[in-house]
Amino acid sequence: MGDNVLKVSGLKVAYGGIKAVKGIDLEVNKGELVALIGANGAGKTTTLKAITGTLPPCKVEGTVTYQGESLKGSKSFHLVEKKLAMVPEGRGVFTRMSIQENLMMGAYTRDDKAGIEADIAKWFDVFPRLKERAAQMAGTLSGGEQQMLAMARALMSHPKLLLLDEPSMGLSPIMVEKIFEVIRNVSKEGITILLVEQNAKLALQAAHRGYVMDSGNITMTGNAKDMLDDPRVKAAYLGE
């Protein structure tokens, strides 16, 4: 796979005396789908927010480089221009805008009108439920529909790196299946993905490589398929 897209070195995040992330290293190479798994409160979301500069005031140490360039001091809205997009935990759709308008917002850094229209049509094909409700306010959608919209909106920016934070959280099993089908397909298109997910089994089944995070530390890393068979991962995260 080669070609580092994201490299996190010695990342530490502390809120007052609470150390949420304790000096972690991780990397994502071009074309990879990398899963970051771990229990609730392990520091996974904090890690993603540190990468995107969306943390509340706190002490952050270490380096984050994206395509060989430091992200230190980058404003989160500049990251979209650099083709780095994130689907946050809780989805973060624009509730008082329609589905169509949300998708247009995802493409705000682009000016290829025909391409934008083609992409909207593409995502309406992938998620027919969004097409049926194109003029509906996003805030009136179910959790699963909002997740579909948040993913489609992020992909409208044509990201080189897509960060996904707990995409299956709170969704019905059938909706989780659909979301993971899309994640796998997006990965096959060559988009590099860092996936934070509590459903360790689904995440590792979809991923090339995985990292396990526990209490702010990376405790294990390796090939995703090998990790699925690892007795420690099975006991702690797969309920086996």
Protein backbone atom coordinates (compact mmCIF):
# COMPACT_ATOMS: atom_id res chain seq x y z
CA MET A 1 0.00 0.00 0.00
CA GLY A 2 2.88 2.42 0.88
CA ASP A 3 2.40 6.17 0.61
CA ASN A 4 1.57 7.59 4.02
CA VAL A 5 -1.62 9.66 3.96
CA LEU A 6 -1.95 10.17 7.71
CA LYS A 7 0.74 9.82 10.37
CA VAL A 8 0.11 10.47 14.07
CA SER A 9 3.21 10.50 16.30
CA GLY A 10 3.35 10.78 20.09
CA LEU A 11 -0.16 12.23 20.32
CA LYS A 12 -1.16 13.25 23.84
CA VAL A 13 -4.40 14.99 24.83
CA ALA A 14 -5.09 16.18 28.39
CA TYR A 15 -8.11 17.97 29.82
CA GLY A 16 -6.76 19.50 33.01
CA GLY A 17 -5.36 16.55 34.93
CA ILE A 18 -7.21 13.96 32.85
CA LYS A 19 -5.04 12.29 30.20
CA ALA A 20 -7.44 11.17 27.47
CA VAL A 21 -4.75 10.13 24.97
CA LYS A 22 -1.33 9.08 26.25
CA GLY A 23 1.23 9.31 23.45
CA ILE A 24 -0.09 7.20 20.60
CA ASP A 25 1.35 6.48 17.15
CA LEU A 26 -0.74 5.41 14.19
CA GLU A 27 -0.62 5.68 10.45
CA VAL A 28 -2.92 5.19 7.49
CA ASN A 29 -1.47 4.51 4.06
CA LYS A 30 -2.95 5.37 0.69
CA GLY A 31 -5.93 3.18 -0.20
CA GLU A 32 -6.13 1.55 3.22
CA LEU A 33 -9.16 1.13 5.42
CA VAL A 34 -7.82 1.21 8.98
CA ALA A 35 -10.05 0.47 11.96
CA LEU A 36 -9.48 1.99 15.40
CA ILE A 37 -11.44 -0.10 17.89
CA GLY A 38 -11.82 -0.04 21.65
CA ALA A 39 -14.31 0.31 24.47
CA ASN A 40 -16.31 3.44 25.16
CA GLY A 41 -14.07 6.13 26.67
CA ALA A 42 -10.85 4.63 25.29
CA GLY A 43 -9.91 7.92 23.58
CA LYS A 44 -10.91 7.07 19.99
CA THR A 45 -13.13 10.09 19.31
CA THR A 46 -10.63 12.38 21.07
CA THR A 47 -7.97 11.08 18.67
CA LEU A 48 -10.09 11.93 15.62
CA LYS A 49 -10.89 15.38 17.01
CA ALA A 50 -7.19 15.98 17.65
CA ILE A 51 -6.45 15.07 14.03
CA THR A 52 -9.11 17.50 12.74
CA GLY A 53 -8.46 20.29 15.27
CA THR A 54 -12.01 20.16 16.61
CA LEU A 55 -11.23 19.55 20.28
CA PRO A 56 -12.44 21.92 23.01
CA PRO A 57 -9.62 23.84 24.75
CA CYS A 58 -7.12 21.32 26.12
CA LYS A 59 -3.43 20.45 25.99
CA VAL A 60 -2.39 18.64 22.81
CA GLU A 61 1.14 17.35 22.18
CA GLY A 62 2.64 15.32 19.35
CA THR A 63 2.49 15.63 15.58
CA VAL A 64 -0.20 14.93 13.00
CA THR A 65 0.87 14.93 9.34
CA TYR A 66 -1.48 14.56 6.39
CA GLN A 67 0.06 13.86 2.98
CA GLY A 68 3.43 14.81 4.47
CA GLU A 69 2.23 18.19 5.75
CA SER A 70 1.75 19.10 9.42
CA LEU A 71 -1.84 19.88 10.38
CA LYS A 72 -0.72 21.94 13.38
CA GLY A 73 -2.71 25.16 13.51
CA SER A 74 -4.92 24.18 10.55
CA LYS A 75 -8.50 25.34 10.88
CA SER A 76 -10.99 22.50 10.50
CA PHE A 77 -12.68 24.15 7.49
CA HIS A 78 -9.32 24.28 5.67
CA LEU A 79 -9.08 20.50 5.94
CA VAL A 80 -11.98 20.05 3.52
CA GLU A 81 -10.05 22.11 0.97
CA LYS A 82 -7.15 19.71 1.55
CA LYS A 83 -9.52 16.80 0.77
CA LEU A 84 -9.80 15.55 4.35
CA ALA A 85 -13.41 14.95 5.44
CA MET A 86 -14.93 13.62 8.65
CA VAL A 87 -18.31 12.13 9.47
CA PRO A 88 -18.59 13.01 13.17
CA GLU A 89 -20.15 10.97 15.92
CA GLY A 90 -23.78 12.08 16.12
CA ARG A 91 -23.76 12.79 12.37
CA GLY A 92 -23.86 16.62 12.52
CA VAL A 93 -26.24 17.17 9.59
CA PHE A 94 -27.60 20.67 8.97
CA THR A 95 -31.01 20.03 10.47
CA ARG A 96 -32.78 23.09 9.04
CA MET A 97 -31.58 22.47 5.52
CA SER A 98 -33.00 19.96 3.07
CA ILE A 99 -31.23 16.76 2.09
CA GLN A 100 -30.38 18.30 -1.28
CA GLU A 101 -28.95 21.41 0.40
CA ASN A 102 -26.86 19.28 2.79
CA LEU A 103 -25.31 17.48 -0.18
CA MET A 104 -24.62 20.81 -1.90
CA MET A 105 -22.85 21.97 1.29
CA GLY A 106 -20.64 18.90 1.08
CA ALA A 107 -19.49 20.12 -2.34
CA TYR A 108 -18.91 23.75 -1.36
CA THR A 109 -15.18 23.57 -2.20
CA ARG A 110 -15.98 22.43 -5.76
CA ASP A 111 -17.12 24.44 -8.76
CA ASP A 112 -17.74 21.67 -11.33
CA LYS A 113 -21.51 22.05 -11.55
CA ALA A 114 -22.08 19.02 -13.80
CA GLY A 115 -19.86 16.85 -11.60
CA ILE A 116 -21.69 17.94 -8.45
CA GLU A 117 -25.06 17.10 -10.02
CA ALA A 118 -23.70 13.71 -11.14
CA ASP A 119 -22.45 12.99 -7.61
CA ILE A 120 -25.81 13.92 -6.05
CA ALA A 121 -27.49 11.53 -8.51
CA LYS A 122 -24.92 8.86 -7.59
CA TRP A 123 -25.60 9.13 -3.85
CA PHE A 124 -29.35 9.18 -4.45
CA ASP A 125 -28.87 5.86 -6.28
CA VAL A 126 -26.87 4.45 -3.38
CA PHE A 127 -29.37 5.76 -0.80
CA PRO A 128 -32.83 5.74 -2.47
CA ARG A 129 -34.43 6.82 0.80
CA LEU A 130 -32.59 10.14 0.57
CA LYS A 131 -33.80 10.61 -3.01
CA GLU A 132 -37.43 10.09 -1.94
CA ARG A 133 -36.99 12.80 0.69
CA ALA A 134 -34.68 15.18 -1.21
CA ALA A 135 -36.66 18.30 -0.25
CA GLN A 136 -37.26 17.22 3.37
CA MET A 137 -35.48 18.97 6.25
CA ALA A 138 -32.56 16.85 7.44
CA GLY A 139 -33.64 17.26 11.08
CA THR A 140 -36.82 15.27 10.41
CA LEU A 141 -34.91 12.16 9.25
CA SER A 142 -34.37 9.03 11.30
CA GLY A 143 -30.93 8.37 12.79
CA GLY A 144 -30.08 5.91 10.02
CA GLU A 145 -31.17 8.31 7.29
CA GLN A 146 -29.09 11.08 8.89
CA GLN A 147 -26.09 8.75 8.91
CA MET A 148 -26.58 8.05 5.20
CA LEU A 149 -26.80 11.79 4.56
CA ALA A 150 -23.70 12.60 6.66
CA MET A 151 -21.66 10.03 4.74
CA ALA A 152 -22.91 11.16 1.34
CA ARG A 153 -22.28 14.82 2.27
CA ALA A 154 -18.67 14.06 3.30
CA LEU A 155 -18.07 12.12 0.08
CA MET A 156 -19.38 15.02 -2.03
CA SER A 157 -16.07 16.77 -1.28
CA HIS A 158 -14.13 13.94 -3.03
CA PRO A 159 -11.92 13.34 0.03
CA LYS A 160 -8.50 11.71 -0.15
CA LEU A 161 -8.94 10.75 3.50
CA LEU A 162 -12.29 10.01 5.13
CA LEU A 163 -12.57 9.85 8.93
CA LEU A 164 -15.62 7.98 10.22
CA ASP A 165 -16.54 8.28 13.90
CA GLU A 166 -18.88 5.54 15.16
CA PRO A 167 -20.98 5.28 11.97
CA SER A 168 -23.08 2.39 13.31
CA MET A 169 -23.92 3.95 16.69
CA GLY A 170 -27.62 3.78 17.57
CA LEU A 171 -28.67 2.27 14.25
CA SER A 172 -30.87 -0.75 13.55
CA PRO A 173 -29.05 -3.93 12.38
CA ILE A 174 -30.39 -3.54 8.82
CA MET A 175 -29.18 0.07 8.67
CA VAL A 176 -25.75 -0.91 10.08
CA GLU A 177 -25.48 -3.49 7.29
CA LYS A 178 -26.23 -0.84 4.65
CA ILE A 179 -23.75 1.67 6.11
CA PHE A 180 -20.96 -0.93 6.20
CA GLU A 181 -21.74 -2.02 2.65
CA VAL A 182 -21.20 1.60 1.58
CA ILE A 183 -17.98 1.86 3.65
CA ARG A 184 -16.60 -1.25 1.92
CA ASN A 185 -17.58 0.07 -1.53
CA VAL A 186 -16.03 3.49 -0.87
CA SER A 187 -12.83 1.73 0.20
CA LYS A 188 -12.87 -0.31 -3.03
CA GLU A 189 -13.01 2.99 -4.95
CA GLY A 190 -9.59 3.75 -3.45
CA ILE A 191 -10.59 6.34 -0.85
CA THR A 192 -8.38 6.09 2.25
CA ILE A 193 -10.43 5.60 5.43
CA LEU A 194 -9.79 5.75 9.17
CA LEU A 195 -12.78 4.15 10.88
CA VAL A 196 -13.48 4.52 14.60
CA GLU A 197 -16.05 1.94 15.58
CA GLN A 198 -17.32 0.14 18.68
CA ASN A 199 -18.60 -2.78 16.62
CA ALA A 200 -15.17 -4.37 16.48
CA LYS A 201 -16.21 -7.38 14.43
CA LEU A 202 -17.78 -5.39 11.59
CA ALA A 203 -14.91 -2.89 11.62
CA LEU A 204 -12.19 -5.54 11.42
CA GLN A 205 -14.09 -7.51 8.78
CA ALA A 206 -14.12 -4.40 6.57
CA ALA A 207 -10.59 -3.17 7.37
CA HIS A 208 -7.12 -3.95 6.04
CA ARG A 209 -5.41 -3.16 9.35
CA GLY A 210 -6.55 -2.43 12.87
CA TYR A 211 -5.49 -0.68 16.06
CA VAL A 212 -6.87 -1.43 19.52
CA MET A 213 -7.11 1.53 21.90
CA ASP A 214 -7.54 1.14 25.63
CA SER A 215 -7.45 3.90 28.27
CA GLY A 216 -5.69 6.36 25.96
CA ASN A 217 -3.05 3.90 24.72
CA ILE A 218 -2.68 1.81 21.57
CA THR A 219 -2.40 -1.71 22.98
CA MET A 220 -2.35 -3.76 19.79
CA THR A 221 -2.02 -3.32 16.04
CA GLY A 222 -1.88 -5.66 13.08
CA ASN A 223 -3.55 -7.13 10.04
CA ALA A 224 -7.34 -6.91 10.54
CA LYS A 225 -8.02 -10.54 9.60
CA ASP A 226 -5.36 -11.75 12.06
CA MET A 227 -6.85 -9.55 14.78
CA LEU A 228 -10.28 -11.11 14.23
CA ASP A 229 -8.72 -14.46 15.16
CA ASP A 230 -6.64 -13.13 18.07
CA PRO A 231 -7.92 -14.63 21.36
CA ARG A 232 -7.29 -11.33 23.23
CA VAL A 233 -9.38 -9.34 20.73
CA LYS A 234 -12.05 -12.04 20.74
CA ALA A 235 -12.29 -12.03 24.53
CA ALA A 236 -12.30 -8.25 24.95
CA TYR A 237 -14.22 -7.00 21.91
CA LEU A 238 -15.95 -9.80 20.04
CA GLY A 239 -17.77 -11.43 22.95
CA GLU A 240 -16.11 -14.79 22.24
